[in-house]
Amino acid sequence: MKQWAHFMLALAVTALLPGVSTGSSVQQPDCPQLGFTDALRCSSCEQLLKVVKDEELYNDCKSCCTDDVVTATTYSAVELIICRCKLHAFPHIQTFINKKAKAYTGLKVTLTNDGQYPKMLMTSTEGSAQTIPIDRWKTETLEEFLRSNLKPVGAS
């Protein structure tokens, strides 16, 4: 009984003191799942807070961003993947595919039949790959990302 009381006291103290660890590390947010890429700059988080005034989203943004002086990762190839059956649910991505995608070298559009939500598989110039969901991205967001990370056709 005495051991049980000590255990309960230790559990209560651990729960009340945020600085005390129970042996597991603090979970970092899954930035790609939240829609943030490794190209996210901290100055964008400040703009985000001004627009949406959502402190929790701002904190997630700040935990995923990198300092503005760091150069963005450049991608040698980006594959936009979406199921044909999902295109109607994402008209902004369908518009991008139909009207804007051909303007970017290194971009491949893959239409599947497996129910996949829209995502981008990005391969860096160093060969590492990263996948991020883009179902909440607008056409302008896709364009901005690709403009800053891929060269348009005809650019030197």
C-alpha atoms as a PDB file:
ATOM      1  CA  MET A   1       0.000   0.000   0.000  1.00  0.00           C
ATOM      2  CA  LYS A   2       2.842   2.365   0.858  1.00  0.00           C
ATOM      3  CA  GLN A   3       4.471   1.742  -2.555  1.00  0.00           C
ATOM      4  CA  TRP A   4       1.156   2.511  -4.253  1.00  0.00           C
ATOM      5  CA  ALA A   5       0.921   5.854  -2.407  1.00  0.00           C
ATOM      6  CA  HIS A   6       4.468   6.774  -3.467  1.00  0.00           C
ATOM      7  CA  PHE A   7       3.655   5.871  -7.059  1.00  0.00           C
ATOM      8  CA  MET A   8       0.483   7.992  -7.040  1.00  0.00           C
ATOM      9  CA  LEU A   9       2.345  10.932  -5.457  1.00  0.00           C
ATOM     10  CA  ALA A  10       5.116  10.705  -8.062  1.00  0.00           C
ATOM     11  CA  LEU A  11       2.534  10.532 -10.841  1.00  0.00           C
ATOM     12  CA  ALA A  12       0.687  13.578  -9.504  1.00  0.00           C
ATOM     13  CA  VAL A  13       3.899  15.603  -9.143  1.00  0.00           C
ATOM     14  CA  THR A  14       5.006  14.640 -12.656  1.00  0.00           C
ATOM     15  CA  ALA A  15       1.661  15.721 -14.090  1.00  0.00           C
ATOM     16  CA  LEU A  16       1.757  19.052 -12.265  1.00  0.00           C
ATOM     17  CA  LEU A  17       5.350  19.979 -13.121  1.00  0.00           C
ATOM     18  CA  PRO A  18       5.835  20.478 -16.852  1.00  0.00           C
ATOM     19  CA  GLY A  19       9.614  20.470 -16.525  1.00  0.00           C
ATOM     20  CA  VAL A  20       9.696  16.948 -15.107  1.00  0.00           C
ATOM     21  CA  SER A  21      10.058  14.178 -17.642  1.00  0.00           C
ATOM     22  CA  THR A  22       8.612  10.698 -17.342  1.00  0.00           C
ATOM     23  CA  GLY A  23      11.321   9.315 -19.599  1.00  0.00           C
ATOM     24  CA  SER A  24       9.634  10.098 -22.898  1.00  0.00           C
ATOM     25  CA  SER A  25      10.755  13.076 -24.900  1.00  0.00           C
ATOM     26  CA  VAL A  26       8.429  15.902 -25.856  1.00  0.00           C
ATOM     27  CA  GLN A  27       6.747  15.128 -29.161  1.00  0.00           C
ATOM     28  CA  GLN A  28       7.668  17.491 -31.965  1.00  0.00           C
ATOM     29  CA  PRO A  29       4.868  18.240 -34.404  1.00  0.00           C
ATOM     30  CA  ASP A  30       4.771  16.314 -37.675  1.00  0.00           C
ATOM     31  CA  CYS A  31       5.425  19.357 -39.834  1.00  0.00           C
ATOM     32  CA  PRO A  32       4.640  17.786 -43.232  1.00  0.00           C
ATOM     33  CA  GLN A  33       1.356  16.420 -41.846  1.00  0.00           C
ATOM     34  CA  LEU A  34       0.503  19.947 -40.660  1.00  0.00           C
ATOM     35  CA  GLY A  35       1.192  21.216 -44.176  1.00  0.00           C
ATOM     36  CA  PHE A  36       4.556  22.842 -43.466  1.00  0.00           C
ATOM     37  CA  THR A  37       7.614  22.097 -45.599  1.00  0.00           C
ATOM     38  CA  ASP A  38      11.283  22.438 -44.826  1.00  0.00           C
ATOM     39  CA  ALA A  39      11.158  25.579 -46.984  1.00  0.00           C
ATOM     40  CA  LEU A  40       9.030  27.338 -44.328  1.00  0.00           C
ATOM     41  CA  ARG A  41      10.646  30.538 -43.096  1.00  0.00           C
ATOM     42  CA  CYS A  42       9.907  31.989 -39.659  1.00  0.00           C
ATOM     43  CA  SER A  43       8.926  35.355 -41.151  1.00  0.00           C
ATOM     44  CA  SER A  44       5.990  33.567 -42.789  1.00  0.00           C
ATOM     45  CA  CYS A  45       4.750  32.539 -39.337  1.00  0.00           C
ATOM     46  CA  GLU A  46       4.582  36.186 -38.295  1.00  0.00           C
ATOM     47  CA  GLN A  47       2.473  36.971 -41.372  1.00  0.00           C
ATOM     48  CA  LEU A  48       0.295  33.931 -40.666  1.00  0.00           C
ATOM     49  CA  LEU A  49      -0.444  35.155 -37.139  1.00  0.00           C
ATOM     50  CA  LYS A  50      -1.464  38.588 -38.441  1.00  0.00           C
ATOM     51  CA  VAL A  51      -3.883  37.042 -40.930  1.00  0.00           C
ATOM     52  CA  VAL A  52      -5.478  34.150 -39.028  1.00  0.00           C
ATOM     53  CA  LYS A  53      -4.878  35.204 -35.405  1.00  0.00           C
ATOM     54  CA  ASP A  54      -4.627  31.547 -34.338  1.00  0.00           C
ATOM     55  CA  GLU A  55      -2.016  31.177 -31.594  1.00  0.00           C
ATOM     56  CA  GLU A  56      -1.920  27.358 -31.779  1.00  0.00           C
ATOM     57  CA  LEU A  57      -1.329  27.402 -35.548  1.00  0.00           C
ATOM     58  CA  TYR A  58       1.318  30.093 -35.054  1.00  0.00           C
ATOM     59  CA  ASN A  59       3.096  27.954 -32.440  1.00  0.00           C
ATOM     60  CA  ASP A  60       3.025  24.939 -34.792  1.00  0.00           C
ATOM     61  CA  CYS A  61       4.417  27.147 -37.539  1.00  0.00           C
ATOM     62  CA  LYS A  62       7.218  28.440 -35.302  1.00  0.00           C
ATOM     63  CA  SER A  63       8.174  24.900 -34.276  1.00  0.00           C
ATOM     64  CA  CYS A  64       8.478  23.897 -37.957  1.00  0.00           C
ATOM     65  CA  CYS A  65      10.144  26.976 -39.468  1.00  0.00           C
ATOM     66  CA  THR A  66      13.770  27.765 -40.098  1.00  0.00           C
ATOM     67  CA  ASP A  67      15.531  31.076 -39.733  1.00  0.00           C
ATOM     68  CA  ASP A  68      15.169  33.331 -42.773  1.00  0.00           C
ATOM     69  CA  VAL A  69      18.923  33.514 -43.380  1.00  0.00           C
ATOM     70  CA  VAL A  70      19.109  29.806 -44.184  1.00  0.00           C
ATOM     71  CA  THR A  71      18.791  28.994 -47.870  1.00  0.00           C
ATOM     72  CA  ALA A  72      15.769  26.965 -48.929  1.00  0.00           C
ATOM     73  CA  THR A  73      16.115  23.392 -50.063  1.00  0.00           C
ATOM     74  CA  THR A  74      16.037  23.136 -53.810  1.00  0.00           C
ATOM     75  CA  TYR A  75      14.308  20.215 -55.406  1.00  0.00           C
ATOM     76  CA  SER A  76      15.518  18.579 -58.579  1.00  0.00           C
ATOM     77  CA  ALA A  77      12.196  16.793 -58.989  1.00  0.00           C
ATOM     78  CA  VAL A  78       8.687  17.184 -57.608  1.00  0.00           C
ATOM     79  CA  GLU A  79       5.907  14.705 -58.254  1.00  0.00           C
ATOM     80  CA  LEU A  80       2.350  15.880 -57.654  1.00  0.00           C
ATOM     81  CA  ILE A  81       0.272  12.768 -56.942  1.00  0.00           C
ATOM     82  CA  ILE A  82      -3.529  12.640 -56.774  1.00  0.00           C
ATOM     83  CA  CYS A  83      -6.218  10.083 -57.505  1.00  0.00           C
ATOM     84  CA  ARG A  84      -8.438  10.825 -60.502  1.00  0.00           C
ATOM     85  CA  CYS A  85     -11.481  10.213 -58.309  1.00  0.00           C
ATOM     86  CA  LYS A  86     -10.376  13.000 -55.925  1.00  0.00           C
ATOM     87  CA  LEU A  87      -9.814  15.709 -58.560  1.00  0.00           C
ATOM     88  CA  HIS A  88     -13.394  17.007 -58.318  1.00  0.00           C
ATOM     89  CA  ALA A  89     -12.968  17.491 -54.564  1.00  0.00           C
ATOM     90  CA  PHE A  90      -9.880  19.649 -55.098  1.00  0.00           C
ATOM     91  CA  PRO A  91     -10.749  22.094 -57.889  1.00  0.00           C
ATOM     92  CA  HIS A  92      -7.796  24.354 -57.033  1.00  0.00           C
ATOM     93  CA  ILE A  93      -5.378  21.465 -57.648  1.00  0.00           C
ATOM     94  CA  GLN A  94      -7.239  20.472 -60.810  1.00  0.00           C
ATOM     95  CA  THR A  95      -6.931  24.074 -62.049  1.00  0.00           C
ATOM     96  CA  PHE A  96      -3.222  24.056 -61.294  1.00  0.00           C
ATOM     97  CA  ILE A  97      -2.719  20.757 -63.141  1.00  0.00           C
ATOM     98  CA  ASN A  98      -4.729  21.870 -66.179  1.00  0.00           C
ATOM     99  CA  LYS A  99      -3.451  25.430 -66.528  1.00  0.00           C
ATOM    100  CA  LYS A 100      -0.137  25.906 -64.727  1.00  0.00           C
ATOM    101  CA  ALA A 101       1.764  22.636 -64.182  1.00  0.00           C
ATOM    102  CA  LYS A 102       3.434  22.571 -67.604  1.00  0.00           C
ATOM    103  CA  ALA A 103       5.293  25.791 -66.770  1.00  0.00           C
ATOM    104  CA  TYR A 104       7.587  23.994 -64.294  1.00  0.00           C
ATOM    105  CA  THR A 105      10.522  21.793 -65.194  1.00  0.00           C
ATOM    106  CA  GLY A 106      11.117  18.986 -62.786  1.00  0.00           C
ATOM    107  CA  LEU A 107       7.391  18.695 -62.012  1.00  0.00           C
ATOM    108  CA  LYS A 108       5.661  15.448 -62.834  1.00  0.00           C
ATOM    109  CA  VAL A 109       1.905  15.029 -62.365  1.00  0.00           C
ATOM    110  CA  THR A 110       0.793  11.499 -61.550  1.00  0.00           C
ATOM    111  CA  LEU A 111      -2.918  10.653 -61.623  1.00  0.00           C
ATOM    112  CA  THR A 112      -3.601   7.402 -59.783  1.00  0.00           C
ATOM    113  CA  ASN A 113      -6.657   5.209 -59.292  1.00  0.00           C
ATOM    114  CA  ASP A 114      -5.984   4.282 -55.668  1.00  0.00           C
ATOM    115  CA  GLY A 115      -7.890   6.954 -53.740  1.00  0.00           C
ATOM    116  CA  GLN A 116      -4.813   8.988 -52.754  1.00  0.00           C
ATOM    117  CA  TYR A 117      -5.333  12.499 -51.497  1.00  0.00           C
ATOM    118  CA  PRO A 118      -3.131  15.118 -53.165  1.00  0.00           C
ATOM    119  CA  LYS A 119       0.468  15.134 -52.058  1.00  0.00           C
ATOM    120  CA  MET A 120       3.864  16.089 -53.381  1.00  0.00           C
ATOM    121  CA  LEU A 121       6.877  13.815 -53.390  1.00  0.00           C
ATOM    122  CA  MET A 122       9.929  16.061 -53.506  1.00  0.00           C
ATOM    123  CA  THR A 123      13.460  14.899 -54.276  1.00  0.00           C
ATOM    124  CA  SER A 124      16.207  17.311 -53.275  1.00  0.00           C
ATOM    125  CA  THR A 125      19.320  17.960 -55.314  1.00  0.00           C
ATOM    126  CA  GLU A 126      21.172  15.880 -52.697  1.00  0.00           C
ATOM    127  CA  GLY A 127      18.863  12.913 -53.378  1.00  0.00           C
ATOM    128  CA  SER A 128      16.789  12.925 -50.184  1.00  0.00           C
ATOM    129  CA  ALA A 129      13.010  12.674 -50.551  1.00  0.00           C
ATOM    130  CA  GLN A 130      10.145  14.217 -48.621  1.00  0.00           C
ATOM    131  CA  THR A 131       6.378  13.794 -49.028  1.00  0.00           C
ATOM    132  CA  ILE A 132       3.899  16.439 -47.930  1.00  0.00           C
ATOM    133  CA  PRO A 133       0.116  16.613 -48.186  1.00  0.00           C
ATOM    134  CA  ILE A 134      -1.130  19.497 -50.324  1.00  0.00           C
ATOM    135  CA  ASP A 135      -4.879  19.036 -50.026  1.00  0.00           C
ATOM    136  CA  ARG A 136      -5.201  22.395 -48.230  1.00  0.00           C
ATOM    137  CA  TRP A 137      -2.909  24.295 -50.559  1.00  0.00           C
ATOM    138  CA  LYS A 138      -4.405  26.840 -52.938  1.00  0.00           C
ATOM    139  CA  THR A 139      -3.255  27.227 -56.538  1.00  0.00           C
ATOM    140  CA  GLU A 140      -1.231  30.279 -55.514  1.00  0.00           C
ATOM    141  CA  THR A 141       0.510  28.319 -52.766  1.00  0.00           C
ATOM    142  CA  LEU A 142       1.527  25.600 -55.203  1.00  0.00           C
ATOM    143  CA  GLU A 143       2.843  28.187 -57.638  1.00  0.00           C
ATOM    144  CA  GLU A 144       4.773  30.081 -54.957  1.00  0.00           C
ATOM    145  CA  PHE A 145       6.360  26.894 -53.653  1.00  0.00           C
ATOM    146  CA  LEU A 146       7.398  25.727 -57.109  1.00  0.00           C
ATOM    147  CA  ARG A 147       8.635  29.183 -58.152  1.00  0.00           C
ATOM    148  CA  SER A 148      10.948  29.307 -55.164  1.00  0.00           C
ATOM    149  CA  ASN A 149      12.146  25.699 -55.469  1.00  0.00           C
ATOM    150  CA  LEU A 150      12.031  24.783 -59.196  1.00  0.00           C
ATOM    151  CA  LYS A 151      12.970  26.761 -62.281  1.00  0.00           C
ATOM    152  CA  PRO A 152      10.153  27.548 -64.750  1.00  0.00           C
ATOM    153  CA  VAL A 153      10.551  26.332 -68.330  1.00  0.00           C
ATOM    154  CA  GLY A 154      12.846  28.700 -70.210  1.00  0.00           C
ATOM    155  CA  ALA A 155      14.539  30.115 -67.106  1.00  0.00           C
ATOM    156  CA  SER A 156      18.306  30.129 -67.130  1.00  0.00           C
END
